[in-house]
Amino acid sequence: MTNWPLGIPGWPQALLSVVIAIVAALLLHRVAFFIGRRAARRTATGVDDILFAQLYVPTRWLLIALALAASEPALPLSPAGEQLWARAAGLMLPALFGWLCIALLRASAAIIEASADISGADNLKARRRRTRAAIMHRIALFVVLLVTFCMMLISIPAVRSIGVTLIASAGLAGLAVGAAAQPALKNLIAGIQMAFTEPIRIDDVVIVDGEWGRIEEIRLTFVVVKIWDERRLVVPVSKFLEESFQNWTRETSQLLGSVFWYLDPTADIARLREKLKEVVTANPNWDGRFFNMQVTDTKPEGAIEVRGLMTAKDASVAFTLRCEVREAILAFIRDEMPEALLRQRAMLERHAPSTA
């Protein structure tokens, strides 16, 4: 009988046992997911569907790998073949278990994202849940990848022996790597801290470096801010913990907007206040909570500063409301109260004629 590679005699019988094990694993996988999906259709939520969609492929390959591992005693392998088989199993099984863990993490993140709807007006709790889930998902993903990679390396004897030698010099190497990676480690630790202190959350309205935008994405080491003109501002995570910035939606999405006019001191403020009431109450962007008008300052140039306040459900609506109110009051002053427009005054001194 011919000896094939790895010293396998009687290879047809061995191959048949391997095929039977793989087919049994595939049938078990198909039946289990068929029953699970039938049961998932009876539930009202889509959590089960997300879970099955993420786990289908990793569990199939994991069952195939387990079936191959179970059929290994039936294979007439030579010592070299057994060593090669063990080496391959030591690499594949940790990789497949790591893939399964990553699929579970993605499924949990998708479930939390689906349950935390941030499209509503008062979405503070949803934004808080989505922010924490996003940060913790990336931390867990990093840990799973690191552990999987280490388990794969440990299965290689040569790497294990080298690792024992490297431990002796790990102190100096650790100091060198730590000094070189200090900025990255700083932002990594800041990202973990941000998950619990919550200075910002997904969809928060912030002003950073003079730019107005929304928090679009929070990574472990940086934050992506979507600027109002569709640009993206990439900011290190540590900046939000070490420097001051404005967060307009820290506690609630509701905002108090202000509009300023610089008018002549002879302007009829009571009449303007009535017009402001008419304009604000008729505007659909006003949330009905509060508005007023006051003279807040006088300027050396002879102008008075008139401030109007009005509330809106969020930052974007408040900006639109402020612009529309500003335009309406200016049009009213132009058409109905031109005397309120700022005029420059000068004093003319009259000198007596000289008698000389």
Protein backbone atom coordinates (compact mmCIF):
# COMPACT_ATOMS: atom_id res chain seq x y z
CA MET A 1 0.00 0.00 0.00
CA THR A 2 1.34 3.44 -0.90
CA ASN A 3 2.51 5.69 1.91
CA TRP A 4 1.20 9.20 1.36
CA PRO A 5 2.58 12.39 2.90
CA LEU A 6 2.47 12.49 6.70
CA GLY A 7 2.81 8.68 6.60
CA ILE A 8 -0.91 7.98 6.16
CA PRO A 9 -1.61 4.37 5.18
CA GLY A 10 -5.16 3.42 4.35
CA TRP A 11 -5.96 7.01 3.52
CA PRO A 12 -9.44 6.37 1.99
CA GLN A 13 -10.83 5.15 5.32
CA ALA A 14 -9.21 8.05 7.19
CA LEU A 15 -10.50 10.57 4.66
CA LEU A 16 -13.98 9.07 4.93
CA SER A 17 -13.96 9.50 8.72
CA VAL A 18 -12.91 13.12 8.36
CA VAL A 19 -15.64 13.79 5.78
CA ILE A 20 -18.26 12.16 8.03
CA ALA A 21 -17.15 14.30 10.98
CA ILE A 22 -17.33 17.51 8.91
CA VAL A 23 -20.75 16.63 7.45
CA ALA A 24 -22.07 15.83 10.94
CA ALA A 25 -20.77 19.17 12.23
CA LEU A 26 -22.40 21.07 9.34
CA LEU A 27 -25.71 19.26 9.86
CA LEU A 28 -25.62 19.98 13.58
CA HIS A 29 -24.88 23.66 12.85
CA ARG A 30 -27.68 23.95 10.29
CA VAL A 31 -30.26 22.23 12.51
CA ALA A 32 -29.30 24.31 15.57
CA PHE A 33 -29.58 27.61 13.67
CA PHE A 34 -32.80 26.51 11.95
CA ILE A 35 -34.42 25.84 15.32
CA GLY A 36 -32.99 29.04 16.78
CA ARG A 37 -34.25 31.21 13.93
CA ARG A 38 -37.70 29.64 14.08
CA ALA A 39 -37.84 30.50 17.76
CA ALA A 40 -36.50 34.01 17.06
CA ARG A 41 -39.38 34.76 14.67
CA ARG A 42 -41.80 34.52 17.59
CA THR A 43 -40.09 37.30 19.53
CA ALA A 44 -41.06 40.94 19.08
CA THR A 45 -37.53 42.37 19.12
CA GLY A 46 -34.77 42.01 16.55
CA VAL A 47 -32.13 41.06 19.12
CA ASP A 48 -32.21 37.38 18.17
CA ASP A 49 -31.86 38.17 14.47
CA ILE A 50 -28.77 40.30 15.10
CA LEU A 51 -27.23 37.58 17.26
CA PHE A 52 -27.80 34.79 14.74
CA ALA A 53 -26.54 36.93 11.85
CA GLN A 54 -23.25 37.65 13.62
CA LEU A 55 -22.65 34.12 14.95
CA TYR A 56 -23.61 32.06 11.90
CA VAL A 57 -20.25 31.96 10.08
CA PRO A 58 -17.87 31.80 13.10
CA THR A 59 -19.79 28.96 14.77
CA ARG A 60 -19.86 26.97 11.52
CA TRP A 61 -16.09 27.07 11.14
CA LEU A 62 -15.57 26.44 14.86
CA LEU A 63 -17.69 23.29 14.67
CA ILE A 64 -15.71 22.13 11.63
CA ALA A 65 -12.46 22.65 13.55
CA LEU A 66 -13.81 20.72 16.55
CA ALA A 67 -14.94 17.91 14.23
CA LEU A 68 -11.44 17.71 12.74
CA ALA A 69 -9.93 17.67 16.22
CA ALA A 70 -12.31 14.85 17.25
CA SER A 71 -11.43 12.79 14.15
CA GLU A 72 -7.68 13.10 14.69
CA PRO A 73 -7.33 9.80 16.66
CA ALA A 74 -8.81 7.92 13.68
CA LEU A 75 -6.06 9.21 11.39
CA PRO A 76 -2.99 6.97 11.11
CA LEU A 77 -0.53 9.81 11.37
CA SER A 78 3.21 9.46 11.73
CA PRO A 79 4.96 11.28 14.62
CA ALA A 80 5.85 14.11 12.26
CA GLY A 81 2.25 14.23 11.06
CA GLU A 82 0.93 14.32 14.61
CA GLN A 83 3.28 17.18 15.44
CA LEU A 84 2.17 19.13 12.35
CA TRP A 85 -1.49 18.44 13.18
CA ALA A 86 -1.02 19.66 16.75
CA ARG A 87 0.76 22.78 15.46
CA ALA A 88 -2.10 23.58 13.08
CA ALA A 89 -4.71 22.95 15.78
CA GLY A 90 -2.82 25.20 18.19
CA LEU A 91 -3.01 28.04 15.69
CA MET A 92 -6.53 27.50 14.36
CA LEU A 93 -8.52 26.88 17.55
CA PRO A 94 -7.45 30.10 19.35
CA ALA A 95 -8.06 32.06 16.14
CA LEU A 96 -11.57 30.61 15.75
CA PHE A 97 -12.46 31.17 19.41
CA GLY A 98 -11.19 34.74 19.08
CA TRP A 99 -13.34 35.18 15.96
CA LEU A 100 -16.34 33.91 17.91
CA CYS A 101 -15.67 36.37 20.75
CA ILE A 102 -15.36 39.25 18.26
CA ALA A 103 -18.67 38.23 16.69
CA LEU A 104 -20.30 38.26 20.14
CA LEU A 105 -18.88 41.73 20.78
CA ARG A 106 -20.19 43.01 17.44
CA ALA A 107 -23.60 41.51 18.12
CA SER A 108 -23.80 43.12 21.57
CA ALA A 109 -22.73 46.49 20.14
CA ALA A 110 -25.34 46.23 17.37
CA ILE A 111 -28.04 45.29 19.88
CA ILE A 112 -27.24 48.26 22.11
CA GLU A 113 -27.11 50.59 19.10
CA ALA A 114 -30.50 49.35 17.91
CA SER A 115 -32.07 49.78 21.36
CA ALA A 116 -30.52 53.22 21.98
CA ASP A 117 -32.30 55.50 19.49
CA ILE A 118 -30.67 58.95 19.35
CA SER A 119 -32.99 60.40 16.71
CA GLY A 120 -35.42 61.78 19.32
CA ALA A 121 -35.29 65.25 20.82
CA ASP A 122 -34.53 64.25 24.43
CA ASN A 123 -32.00 61.49 23.81
CA LEU A 124 -29.59 61.93 26.72
CA LYS A 125 -29.98 58.37 28.09
CA ALA A 126 -29.69 56.84 24.63
CA ARG A 127 -26.54 58.83 23.83
CA ARG A 128 -25.03 57.83 27.18
CA ARG A 129 -25.66 54.12 26.54
CA ARG A 130 -24.35 54.28 22.98
CA THR A 131 -21.20 56.14 24.02
CA ARG A 132 -20.31 53.71 26.80
CA ALA A 133 -21.07 50.74 24.58
CA ALA A 134 -18.86 52.06 21.77
CA ILE A 135 -15.88 52.70 24.06
CA MET A 136 -16.20 49.43 25.98
CA HIS A 137 -16.63 47.53 22.70
CA ARG A 138 -13.31 48.84 21.39
CA ILE A 139 -11.55 48.09 24.68
CA ALA A 140 -12.91 44.53 24.72
CA LEU A 141 -12.01 44.07 21.04
CA PHE A 142 -8.43 45.13 21.74
CA VAL A 143 -8.18 42.69 24.67
CA VAL A 144 -9.64 39.78 22.65
CA LEU A 145 -7.25 40.37 19.76
CA LEU A 146 -4.29 40.61 22.14
CA VAL A 147 -5.22 37.40 24.01
CA THR A 148 -5.90 35.53 20.76
CA PHE A 149 -2.56 36.55 19.30
CA CYS A 150 -0.75 35.52 22.50
CA MET A 151 -2.49 32.13 22.59
CA MET A 152 -1.51 31.49 18.99
CA LEU A 153 2.12 32.34 19.71
CA ILE A 154 2.22 30.18 22.85
CA SER A 155 1.26 27.14 20.76
CA ILE A 156 4.59 27.43 18.88
CA PRO A 157 7.39 25.83 20.96
CA ALA A 158 10.12 27.97 19.40
CA VAL A 159 8.28 31.14 20.35
CA ARG A 160 7.76 29.87 23.91
CA SER A 161 11.50 29.26 24.33
CA ILE A 162 12.32 32.67 22.92
CA GLY A 163 9.77 34.24 25.26
CA VAL A 164 11.54 32.82 28.31
CA THR A 165 14.75 34.49 27.16
CA LEU A 166 13.02 37.78 26.50
CA ILE A 167 11.51 37.93 29.99
CA ALA A 168 14.97 38.62 31.43
CA SER A 169 15.26 41.84 29.43
CA ALA A 170 11.58 42.80 29.67
CA GLY A 171 12.27 45.49 32.24
CA LEU A 172 14.49 47.62 30.04
CA ALA A 173 12.40 46.88 26.95
CA GLY A 174 9.25 47.87 28.83
CA LEU A 175 10.76 51.19 29.85
CA ALA A 176 11.85 51.92 26.28
CA VAL A 177 8.50 50.97 24.77
CA GLY A 178 6.62 52.87 27.47
CA ALA A 179 8.61 56.04 26.81
CA ALA A 180 8.10 55.75 23.05
CA ALA A 181 4.38 54.98 23.33
CA GLN A 182 3.59 57.55 26.02
CA PRO A 183 1.22 59.68 23.84
CA ALA A 184 -0.68 56.60 22.64
CA LEU A 185 -0.95 55.15 26.17
CA LYS A 186 -2.05 58.52 27.47
CA ASN A 187 -4.90 58.70 24.98
CA LEU A 188 -5.78 55.03 25.57
CA ILE A 189 -6.12 55.57 29.33
CA ALA A 190 -8.05 58.79 28.66
CA GLY A 191 -10.45 56.83 26.44
CA ILE A 192 -11.13 54.33 29.21
CA GLN A 193 -11.65 57.18 31.68
CA MET A 194 -14.03 58.91 29.28
CA ALA A 195 -16.32 55.86 29.27
CA PHE A 196 -17.12 56.47 32.94
CA THR A 197 -16.69 60.23 33.46
CA GLU A 198 -18.64 61.08 30.27
CA PRO A 199 -17.44 64.61 29.45
CA ILE A 200 -18.81 63.97 25.95
CA ARG A 201 -21.24 61.51 24.39
CA ILE A 202 -22.20 60.46 20.89
CA ASP A 203 -24.20 63.26 19.16
CA ASP A 204 -23.24 65.89 21.73
CA VAL A 205 -23.03 69.46 20.38
CA VAL A 206 -19.61 70.90 21.24
CA ILE A 207 -17.33 73.81 20.41
CA VAL A 208 -13.69 72.69 20.16
CA ASP A 209 -10.88 74.93 18.92
CA GLY A 210 -13.49 77.47 17.87
CA GLU A 211 -15.36 74.94 15.70
CA TRP A 212 -19.07 74.11 16.23
CA GLY A 213 -20.02 70.51 15.57
CA ARG A 214 -21.41 67.20 16.82
CA ILE A 215 -19.56 64.23 18.29
CA GLU A 216 -19.77 61.68 15.49
CA GLU A 217 -17.45 58.93 16.71
CA ILE A 218 -15.47 58.18 19.89
CA ARG A 219 -12.44 55.93 19.48
CA LEU A 220 -9.98 54.76 22.12
CA THR A 221 -7.40 57.41 21.22
CA PHE A 222 -9.28 60.09 19.25
CA VAL A 223 -12.70 61.66 18.75
CA VAL A 224 -14.26 62.62 15.41
CA VAL A 225 -16.29 65.86 15.48
CA LYS A 226 -18.57 66.53 12.51
CA ILE A 227 -18.36 70.28 11.80
CA TRP A 228 -21.46 72.13 10.64
CA ASP A 229 -20.04 72.47 7.10
CA GLU A 230 -19.48 68.68 6.77
CA ARG A 231 -15.79 68.77 7.68
CA ARG A 232 -14.42 66.34 10.27
CA LEU A 233 -12.25 67.50 13.17
CA VAL A 234 -10.12 64.70 14.64
CA VAL A 235 -9.26 65.50 18.26
CA PRO A 236 -7.12 63.44 20.70
CA VAL A 237 -9.17 61.99 23.54
CA SER A 238 -6.89 63.54 26.15
CA LYS A 239 -7.86 67.03 24.93
CA PHE A 240 -11.40 66.57 26.27
CA LEU A 241 -10.04 65.69 29.71
CA GLU A 242 -7.24 68.24 30.00
CA GLU A 243 -8.55 71.34 28.20
CA SER A 244 -11.73 73.38 28.35
CA PHE A 245 -14.39 73.06 25.68
CA GLN A 246 -18.09 73.86 25.34
CA ASN A 247 -20.68 71.07 25.55
CA TRP A 248 -24.13 72.41 24.68
CA THR A 249 -25.95 69.14 25.40
CA ARG A 250 -24.22 67.95 28.57
CA GLU A 251 -27.42 67.55 30.63
CA THR A 252 -30.19 68.13 28.09
CA SER A 253 -30.56 68.94 24.41
CA GLN A 254 -32.74 72.00 25.14
CA LEU A 255 -30.98 75.33 24.68
CA LEU A 256 -31.52 79.03 25.38
CA GLY A 257 -30.56 81.04 22.31
CA SER A 258 -29.71 84.76 22.23
CA VAL A 259 -29.95 87.44 19.55
CA PHE A 260 -28.39 90.92 19.81
CA TRP A 261 -29.35 94.18 18.09
CA TYR A 262 -27.45 97.48 18.37
CA LEU A 263 -29.97 100.30 18.13
CA ASP A 264 -30.38 104.00 18.69
CA PRO A 265 -31.13 105.05 22.30
CA THR A 266 -34.44 106.56 21.14
CA ALA A 267 -35.79 103.13 20.10
CA ASP A 268 -39.16 102.17 21.60
CA ILE A 269 -38.17 98.99 23.49
CA ALA A 270 -41.73 98.22 24.64
CA ARG A 271 -42.91 98.19 21.02
CA LEU A 272 -40.00 95.97 19.98
CA ARG A 273 -40.77 93.64 22.87
CA GLU A 274 -44.33 93.20 21.62
CA LYS A 275 -43.04 92.49 18.13
CA LEU A 276 -40.60 89.92 19.50
CA LYS A 277 -43.48 88.17 21.25
CA GLU A 278 -45.43 88.06 18.00
CA VAL A 279 -42.46 86.72 16.01
CA VAL A 280 -41.32 84.10 18.52
CA THR A 281 -44.73 82.68 19.38
CA ALA A 282 -45.56 82.32 15.68
CA ASN A 283 -42.33 80.49 14.89
CA PRO A 284 -42.64 76.65 14.86
CA ASN A 285 -39.03 76.28 16.04
CA TRP A 286 -39.82 77.81 19.44
CA ASP A 287 -40.48 75.13 22.08
CA GLY A 288 -42.84 77.32 24.15
CA ARG A 289 -40.69 77.51 27.30
CA PHE A 290 -39.32 81.06 27.50
CA PHE A 291 -38.49 84.29 25.66
CA ASN A 292 -37.81 87.93 26.58
CA MET A 293 -36.11 91.14 25.44
CA GLN A 294 -33.91 93.44 27.53
CA VAL A 295 -31.48 96.32 27.09
CA THR A 296 -28.28 94.71 28.34
CA ASP A 297 -25.61 97.35 27.66
CA THR A 298 -24.76 100.78 26.32
CA LYS A 299 -21.86 101.37 23.96
CA PRO A 300 -19.43 104.32 23.76
CA GLU A 301 -20.47 104.85 20.15
CA GLY A 302 -23.94 105.87 21.34
CA ALA A 303 -25.69 102.57 20.67
CA ILE A 304 -27.67 100.42 23.08
CA GLU A 305 -27.37 96.64 23.13
CA VAL A 306 -30.76 94.91 22.99
CA ARG A 307 -30.79 91.19 23.71
CA GLY A 308 -33.55 88.74 22.85
CA LEU A 309 -33.69 85.30 24.47
CA MET A 310 -35.68 82.32 23.19
CA THR A 311 -35.64 78.56 23.80
CA ALA A 312 -35.56 75.61 21.41
CA LYS A 313 -35.46 71.83 21.68
CA ASP A 314 -31.85 71.44 20.45
CA ALA A 315 -28.86 73.33 19.09
CA SER A 316 -29.70 73.06 15.39
CA VAL A 317 -33.27 74.28 15.89
CA ALA A 318 -32.06 77.05 18.20
CA PHE A 319 -29.67 78.33 15.52
CA THR A 320 -32.44 78.43 12.92
CA LEU A 321 -34.79 80.15 15.37
CA ARG A 322 -32.21 82.83 16.20
CA CYS A 323 -31.56 83.59 12.53
CA GLU A 324 -35.26 83.86 11.70
CA VAL A 325 -36.02 86.09 14.71
CA ARG A 326 -33.04 88.33 13.92
CA GLU A 327 -34.20 88.79 10.33
CA ALA A 328 -37.83 89.44 11.34
CA ILE A 329 -36.94 92.12 13.89
CA LEU A 330 -34.55 93.84 11.49
CA ALA A 331 -37.24 93.90 8.81
CA PHE A 332 -39.71 95.37 11.32
CA ILE A 333 -37.23 98.10 12.32
CA ARG A 334 -36.53 98.93 8.69
CA ASP A 335 -40.20 99.15 7.71
CA GLU A 336 -41.98 100.31 10.89
CA MET A 337 -39.38 101.86 13.22
CA PRO A 338 -36.64 103.53 11.17
CA GLU A 339 -35.98 105.85 14.11
CA ALA A 340 -34.52 102.86 15.96
CA LEU A 341 -31.67 102.59 13.46
CA LEU A 342 -28.40 103.77 14.92
CA ARG A 343 -27.52 107.35 14.08
CA GLN A 344 -24.20 109.05 14.61
CA ARG A 345 -24.39 112.32 16.51
CA ALA A 346 -21.86 115.12 16.63
CA MET A 347 -21.73 118.23 18.78
CA LEU A 348 -21.13 121.54 17.02
CA GLU A 349 -19.68 124.30 19.18
CA ARG A 350 -20.59 127.86 18.30
CA HIS A 351 -17.87 130.38 19.04
CA ALA A 352 -18.61 134.09 19.58
CA PRO A 353 -17.25 136.39 16.83
CA SER A 354 -14.01 138.06 17.66
CA THR A 355 -14.23 141.83 18.50
CA ALA A 356 -10.61 142.47 17.78
